[in-house]
Amino acid sequence: MSKLSHKLFDGVFGNVGMWSSDTMDRTAFKTMGESFPKLLELTKKNEPILASLPHELFTVTTKDGLKIVGHFFTNEEATDKTAICIHGYHSYGFYDFATVGLEYLNRGYNLLLITNRACGESEGEYTSFGPAESEDAQLFIKLIADKFPNGSIIIHGCSMGGSTACLLSDKELPNVKAIVSDCAFASIRDEFAHMIKFLAHLPPWPLLNMLEKEYKKQFGFGFDREKPIDCVRNAKYPMFFVHGADDNYVLAENSKLMYGVCPTAKQLLIVPGQGHAAAQLGGNEGYFDHIFDFLKEVETENADK
């Protein structure tokens, strides 16, 4: 059983390489939903544009000795506002934020794309699905705060990155003014239970127990040590929750639940007809304007204090 548990854990949490716009399989299409082809088309268009822009390579060293990479874009117009973007499962920043990253630059922000542990150029054998990644992100937040001592930081996470952003919401973070959570799950345990049923058509037990056993061996804690929804319940920052209404991978109910318990200034946007990570297909009127209007309100309130 232990060999089977470890093999299962490796398959789910291990560094198996990035899935990109050129390496999608049937499972990806099933999990991402019917709007995925349009999302893929938009990403293929914008990814090379973003990647071609001048940027610097930043690195931080985690407490477990891993080198984590970030790509930093300085806006053409001098600014001390920076959007730190955290990508999703087995992905990378240039893919998940091909369109969103360009929009932050167009709207006057610097941009930092974190490459999560066990992805791309960053080191690491395993993803933790948020807890370790949130600690890694704090190193980049400090780096940007040191670079712009009087600046402002927006954290924007997508999918697992959205959950990572939610895990940051109750932390004391220098210069962070708001958090945008796109299609985040509220609980690792609940998300895996959902995915086992959705993809494998099996009951969560015993697979979920096997995964958690190996997870504890690797990280020293279980699925429930820190839940995104528990952190959001004690959030210190304004939060914008967004989700595609037709998301079958991470159900929109996750964002609704977290919005419900968030004690700070908040907004919830459910985008009709869009699947996982595809809410951005709502464009300016259906996605970006809502987010940036919210961020403008946050900036105005901070300026009045």
Protein backbone atom coordinates (compact mmCIF):
# COMPACT_ATOMS: atom_id res chain seq x y z
CA MET A 1 0.00 0.00 0.00
CA SER A 2 2.87 2.40 0.79
CA LYS A 3 4.32 2.02 -2.73
CA LEU A 4 0.91 2.69 -4.23
CA SER A 5 0.42 5.71 -1.93
CA HIS A 6 3.79 7.15 -2.90
CA LYS A 7 3.16 6.61 -6.61
CA LEU A 8 -0.22 8.32 -6.28
CA PHE A 9 1.36 11.20 -4.36
CA ASP A 10 4.11 11.60 -6.97
CA GLY A 11 1.52 11.72 -9.74
CA VAL A 12 -0.52 14.43 -8.06
CA PHE A 13 2.04 16.54 -6.19
CA GLY A 14 5.28 15.75 -8.04
CA ASN A 15 7.14 17.95 -10.48
CA VAL A 16 5.93 16.37 -13.71
CA GLY A 17 6.63 19.39 -15.87
CA MET A 18 4.48 22.29 -16.89
CA TRP A 19 1.34 21.97 -18.93
CA SER A 20 1.39 24.73 -21.50
CA SER A 21 -0.62 25.98 -24.42
CA ASP A 22 1.10 23.38 -26.62
CA THR A 23 0.82 20.33 -24.35
CA MET A 24 -2.83 20.12 -23.35
CA ASP A 25 -4.47 16.71 -23.09
CA ARG A 26 -8.04 15.43 -22.82
CA THR A 27 -8.02 15.71 -19.05
CA ALA A 28 -7.16 19.39 -19.32
CA PHE A 29 -10.06 19.98 -21.68
CA LYS A 30 -12.41 18.13 -19.34
CA THR A 31 -11.34 20.02 -16.25
CA MET A 32 -11.12 23.45 -17.88
CA GLY A 33 -14.59 23.39 -19.44
CA GLU A 34 -16.24 24.36 -22.72
CA SER A 35 -14.77 27.87 -22.74
CA PHE A 36 -11.24 26.45 -22.65
CA PRO A 37 -10.59 26.61 -26.44
CA LYS A 38 -11.24 30.36 -26.40
CA LEU A 39 -9.02 30.77 -23.35
CA LEU A 40 -6.28 28.76 -25.04
CA GLU A 41 -6.54 30.87 -28.20
CA LEU A 42 -6.27 34.11 -26.20
CA THR A 43 -3.34 32.77 -24.20
CA LYS A 44 -1.45 31.63 -27.31
CA LYS A 45 -1.89 35.14 -28.71
CA ASN A 46 -0.74 37.05 -25.63
CA GLU A 47 1.89 34.76 -24.10
CA PRO A 48 4.63 35.58 -26.66
CA ILE A 49 3.76 39.28 -26.43
CA LEU A 50 4.25 39.31 -22.67
CA ALA A 51 7.38 37.15 -22.84
CA SER A 52 8.96 39.51 -25.40
CA LEU A 53 8.73 42.53 -23.10
CA PRO A 54 11.90 43.52 -21.19
CA HIS A 55 12.02 41.94 -17.75
CA GLU A 56 14.40 40.90 -14.99
CA LEU A 57 14.90 37.56 -13.31
CA PHE A 58 14.47 37.68 -9.54
CA THR A 59 15.26 34.75 -7.23
CA VAL A 60 14.59 34.02 -3.57
CA THR A 61 15.76 31.16 -1.37
CA THR A 62 13.09 29.40 0.68
CA LYS A 63 13.52 28.18 4.25
CA ASP A 64 13.94 24.64 2.86
CA GLY A 65 16.74 25.81 0.57
CA LEU A 66 14.97 26.02 -2.79
CA LYS A 67 15.66 28.67 -5.41
CA ILE A 68 12.36 30.17 -6.55
CA VAL A 69 12.23 32.34 -9.66
CA GLY A 70 10.20 35.42 -10.47
CA HIS A 71 10.01 37.53 -13.65
CA PHE A 72 9.76 41.27 -12.99
CA PHE A 73 8.49 43.80 -15.53
CA THR A 74 9.11 47.49 -14.89
CA ASN A 75 6.28 49.59 -16.28
CA GLU A 76 7.22 52.03 -19.05
CA GLU A 77 5.68 54.79 -16.92
CA ALA A 78 7.54 55.08 -13.63
CA THR A 79 5.39 53.72 -10.79
CA ASP A 80 5.74 52.14 -7.38
CA LYS A 81 2.59 50.04 -7.81
CA THR A 82 3.26 46.34 -8.41
CA ALA A 83 1.00 43.38 -9.12
CA ILE A 84 2.42 40.09 -7.85
CA CYS A 85 0.79 37.21 -9.73
CA ILE A 86 0.73 33.60 -8.54
CA HIS A 87 -0.05 30.89 -11.11
CA GLY A 88 -1.89 27.61 -10.73
CA TYR A 89 -1.14 23.90 -10.60
CA HIS A 90 1.71 22.69 -12.85
CA SER A 91 1.54 25.91 -14.81
CA TYR A 92 3.69 29.05 -14.99
CA GLY A 93 3.21 32.80 -14.89
CA PHE A 94 3.56 33.52 -18.59
CA TYR A 95 0.73 31.09 -19.29
CA ASP A 96 -1.79 31.83 -16.55
CA PHE A 97 -1.18 35.58 -16.70
CA ALA A 98 -0.52 36.10 -20.40
CA THR A 99 -3.57 38.33 -20.71
CA VAL A 100 -4.00 39.48 -17.12
CA GLY A 101 -0.32 40.42 -16.84
CA LEU A 102 -0.50 42.59 -19.94
CA GLU A 103 -3.57 44.28 -18.51
CA TYR A 104 -1.77 45.15 -15.27
CA LEU A 105 1.06 46.69 -17.30
CA ASN A 106 -1.42 48.58 -19.49
CA ARG A 107 -3.16 49.91 -16.38
CA GLY A 108 -0.01 51.33 -14.86
CA TYR A 109 1.43 48.60 -12.64
CA ASN A 110 4.79 46.90 -12.50
CA LEU A 111 4.38 43.15 -12.77
CA LEU A 112 6.00 40.22 -10.98
CA LEU A 113 5.23 36.70 -12.15
CA ILE A 114 6.20 34.11 -9.55
CA THR A 115 7.17 30.65 -10.81
CA ASN A 116 5.99 28.32 -8.05
CA ARG A 117 8.16 25.60 -6.52
CA ALA A 118 8.29 22.39 -8.57
CA CYS A 119 7.41 24.37 -11.71
CA GLY A 120 9.46 25.75 -14.57
CA GLU A 121 12.82 27.26 -13.59
CA SER A 122 12.07 27.06 -9.87
CA GLU A 123 13.46 24.23 -7.79
CA GLY A 124 11.53 21.64 -5.83
CA GLU A 125 10.16 18.14 -6.19
CA TYR A 126 6.63 18.73 -4.93
CA THR A 127 3.89 21.32 -4.82
CA SER A 128 2.07 21.72 -1.52
CA PHE A 129 -1.08 23.14 -3.16
CA GLY A 130 -0.68 26.45 -1.39
CA PRO A 131 0.82 26.38 2.12
CA ALA A 132 4.50 26.24 1.10
CA GLU A 133 3.83 28.46 -1.92
CA SER A 134 2.33 31.15 0.30
CA GLU A 135 5.52 31.20 2.38
CA ASP A 136 7.57 31.45 -0.82
CA ALA A 137 5.38 34.33 -2.03
CA GLN A 138 6.06 36.25 1.17
CA LEU A 139 9.75 36.34 0.22
CA PHE A 140 8.86 38.02 -3.07
CA ILE A 141 6.51 40.43 -1.32
CA LYS A 142 9.36 41.52 0.95
CA LEU A 143 11.68 41.82 -2.06
CA ILE A 144 9.24 44.16 -3.84
CA ALA A 145 8.54 46.12 -0.64
CA ASP A 146 12.29 46.65 -0.22
CA LYS A 147 12.55 47.77 -3.85
CA PHE A 148 9.64 50.22 -3.48
CA PRO A 149 9.50 51.13 0.25
CA ASN A 150 6.58 53.52 -0.20
CA GLY A 151 4.87 51.52 -2.92
CA SER A 152 1.73 49.43 -3.05
CA ILE A 153 1.37 45.75 -3.85
CA ILE A 154 -1.61 43.87 -5.28
CA ILE A 155 -1.59 40.08 -5.02
CA HIS A 156 -3.45 38.29 -7.83
CA GLY A 157 -3.69 34.51 -7.79
CA CYS A 158 -5.34 32.12 -10.23
CA SER A 159 -6.63 28.62 -9.36
CA MET A 160 -4.13 27.09 -6.90
CA GLY A 161 -2.46 30.50 -7.01
CA GLY A 162 -5.77 32.04 -5.98
CA SER A 163 -5.87 29.73 -2.97
CA THR A 164 -2.27 30.66 -2.23
CA ALA A 165 -3.30 34.32 -2.32
CA CYS A 166 -6.13 33.55 0.11
CA LEU A 167 -3.64 31.87 2.46
CA LEU A 168 -1.77 35.19 2.51
CA SER A 169 -4.84 37.20 3.42
CA ASP A 170 -4.42 36.97 7.22
CA LYS A 171 -0.66 37.58 7.23
CA GLU A 172 1.16 40.84 8.02
CA LEU A 173 2.49 41.73 4.58
CA PRO A 174 4.46 44.91 3.83
CA ASN A 175 2.82 47.30 1.34
CA VAL A 176 0.04 44.88 0.34
CA LYS A 177 -3.16 46.82 -0.37
CA ALA A 178 -5.52 44.21 -1.81
CA ILE A 179 -5.84 40.60 -2.95
CA VAL A 180 -7.54 39.27 -6.09
CA SER A 181 -8.55 35.61 -5.89
CA ASP A 182 -9.55 34.02 -9.21
CA CYS A 183 -11.19 30.55 -9.12
CA ALA A 184 -9.60 29.53 -5.81
CA PHE A 185 -10.54 26.46 -3.78
CA ALA A 186 -11.51 27.01 -0.14
CA SER A 187 -10.02 23.76 1.23
CA ILE A 188 -7.38 21.37 -0.10
CA ARG A 189 -9.25 18.40 1.38
CA ASP A 190 -12.59 19.38 -0.13
CA GLU A 191 -11.04 20.13 -3.51
CA PHE A 192 -9.32 16.74 -3.71
CA ALA A 193 -12.49 14.98 -2.61
CA HIS A 194 -14.33 16.79 -5.41
CA MET A 195 -11.68 15.97 -8.02
CA ILE A 196 -11.55 12.27 -7.10
CA LYS A 197 -15.28 12.07 -7.72
CA PHE A 198 -15.22 14.32 -10.79
CA LEU A 199 -12.26 12.79 -12.64
CA ALA A 200 -12.01 9.24 -11.30
CA HIS A 201 -15.70 8.71 -10.46
CA LEU A 202 -14.65 7.18 -7.15
CA PRO A 203 -15.52 7.91 -3.52
CA PRO A 204 -12.88 10.07 -1.77
CA TRP A 205 -11.90 7.29 0.64
CA PRO A 206 -9.36 5.65 0.57
CA LEU A 207 -7.49 7.71 -2.07
CA LEU A 208 -7.77 10.93 -0.09
CA ASN A 209 -6.36 9.25 3.02
CA MET A 210 -3.47 7.79 1.02
CA LEU A 211 -2.63 11.19 -0.44
CA GLU A 212 -2.71 12.91 2.92
CA LYS A 213 -0.47 10.27 4.51
CA GLU A 214 2.25 10.92 1.94
CA TYR A 215 1.61 14.67 2.09
CA LYS A 216 2.30 14.64 5.85
CA LYS A 217 5.55 12.75 5.26
CA GLN A 218 6.70 15.36 2.76
CA PHE A 219 5.55 18.58 4.40
CA GLY A 220 5.14 17.69 8.06
CA PHE A 221 1.48 18.70 8.26
CA GLY A 222 -1.86 17.62 6.87
CA PHE A 223 -4.45 19.13 4.56
CA ASP A 224 -6.24 21.00 7.33
CA ARG A 225 -3.36 22.84 9.00
CA GLU A 226 -4.17 25.97 7.04
CA LYS A 227 -7.27 26.37 4.90
CA PRO A 228 -7.76 29.27 2.47
CA ILE A 229 -11.25 29.87 3.86
CA ASP A 230 -9.95 30.03 7.44
CA CYS A 231 -7.34 32.63 6.46
CA VAL A 232 -9.96 34.65 4.57
CA ARG A 233 -12.16 34.56 7.69
CA ASN A 234 -9.40 36.61 9.37
CA ALA A 235 -8.38 38.63 6.31
CA LYS A 236 -6.53 41.92 6.80
CA TYR A 237 -6.87 43.23 3.23
CA PRO A 238 -9.65 44.13 0.80
CA MET A 239 -10.44 41.10 -1.35
CA PHE A 240 -11.90 40.63 -4.82
CA PHE A 241 -13.23 37.15 -5.54
CA VAL A 242 -13.91 36.12 -9.14
CA HIS A 243 -14.99 32.80 -10.61
CA GLY A 244 -16.38 31.36 -13.82
CA ALA A 245 -19.96 30.22 -13.28
CA ASP A 246 -19.40 27.01 -15.27
CA ASP A 247 -16.18 25.97 -13.50
CA ASN A 248 -16.33 22.19 -12.88
CA TYR A 249 -12.72 21.90 -11.74
CA VAL A 250 -12.99 24.29 -8.78
CA LEU A 251 -16.67 24.98 -8.21
CA ALA A 252 -17.76 28.61 -7.99
CA GLU A 253 -19.26 27.78 -4.60
CA ASN A 254 -15.70 28.03 -3.23
CA SER A 255 -15.46 31.75 -4.01
CA LYS A 256 -19.00 32.33 -2.77
CA LEU A 257 -18.16 30.71 0.57
CA MET A 258 -14.98 32.72 1.01
CA TYR A 259 -16.68 35.95 0.03
CA GLY A 260 -19.31 35.22 2.66
CA VAL A 261 -16.82 34.96 5.53
CA CYS A 262 -14.42 37.74 4.46
CA PRO A 263 -14.58 40.58 7.05
CA THR A 264 -12.88 43.29 4.98
CA ALA A 265 -13.97 45.36 1.99
CA LYS A 266 -14.84 42.80 -0.65
CA GLN A 267 -16.47 42.09 -3.99
CA LEU A 268 -17.66 38.92 -5.69
CA LEU A 269 -17.88 38.50 -9.46
CA ILE A 270 -19.32 35.32 -10.98
CA VAL A 271 -18.80 35.43 -14.76
CA PRO A 272 -21.56 33.61 -16.70
CA GLY A 273 -20.67 30.93 -19.22
CA GLN A 274 -16.98 30.62 -18.29
CA GLY A 275 -15.10 27.58 -17.02
CA HIS A 276 -11.96 27.20 -14.95
CA ALA A 277 -9.57 30.18 -15.06
CA ALA A 278 -11.62 31.55 -17.96
CA ALA A 279 -13.44 34.41 -16.20
CA GLN A 280 -10.95 36.74 -17.92
CA LEU A 281 -12.78 35.99 -21.16
CA GLY A 282 -15.38 38.43 -19.85
CA GLY A 283 -13.00 41.12 -21.12
CA ASN A 284 -12.97 44.69 -19.89
CA GLU A 285 -16.65 45.07 -19.04
CA GLY A 286 -17.10 41.57 -17.66
CA TYR A 287 -13.82 41.13 -15.79
CA PHE A 288 -11.04 43.72 -15.85
CA ASP A 289 -13.08 46.88 -15.24
CA HIS A 290 -14.66 45.31 -12.15
CA ILE A 291 -11.26 44.39 -10.73
CA PHE A 292 -9.53 47.67 -11.49
CA ASP A 293 -12.47 49.76 -10.29
CA PHE A 294 -12.24 47.87 -7.00
CA LEU A 295 -8.48 48.43 -6.82
CA LYS A 296 -8.98 52.13 -7.57
CA GLU A 297 -11.41 52.39 -4.67
CA VAL A 298 -8.86 50.71 -2.42
CA GLU A 299 -6.15 53.11 -3.54
CA THR A 300 -8.44 56.10 -2.96
CA GLU A 301 -9.34 54.93 0.54
CA ASN A 302 -5.68 54.39 1.38
CA ALA A 303 -4.81 57.86 0.08
CA ASP A 304 -7.51 59.42 2.29
CA LYS A 305 -6.14 57.81 5.46
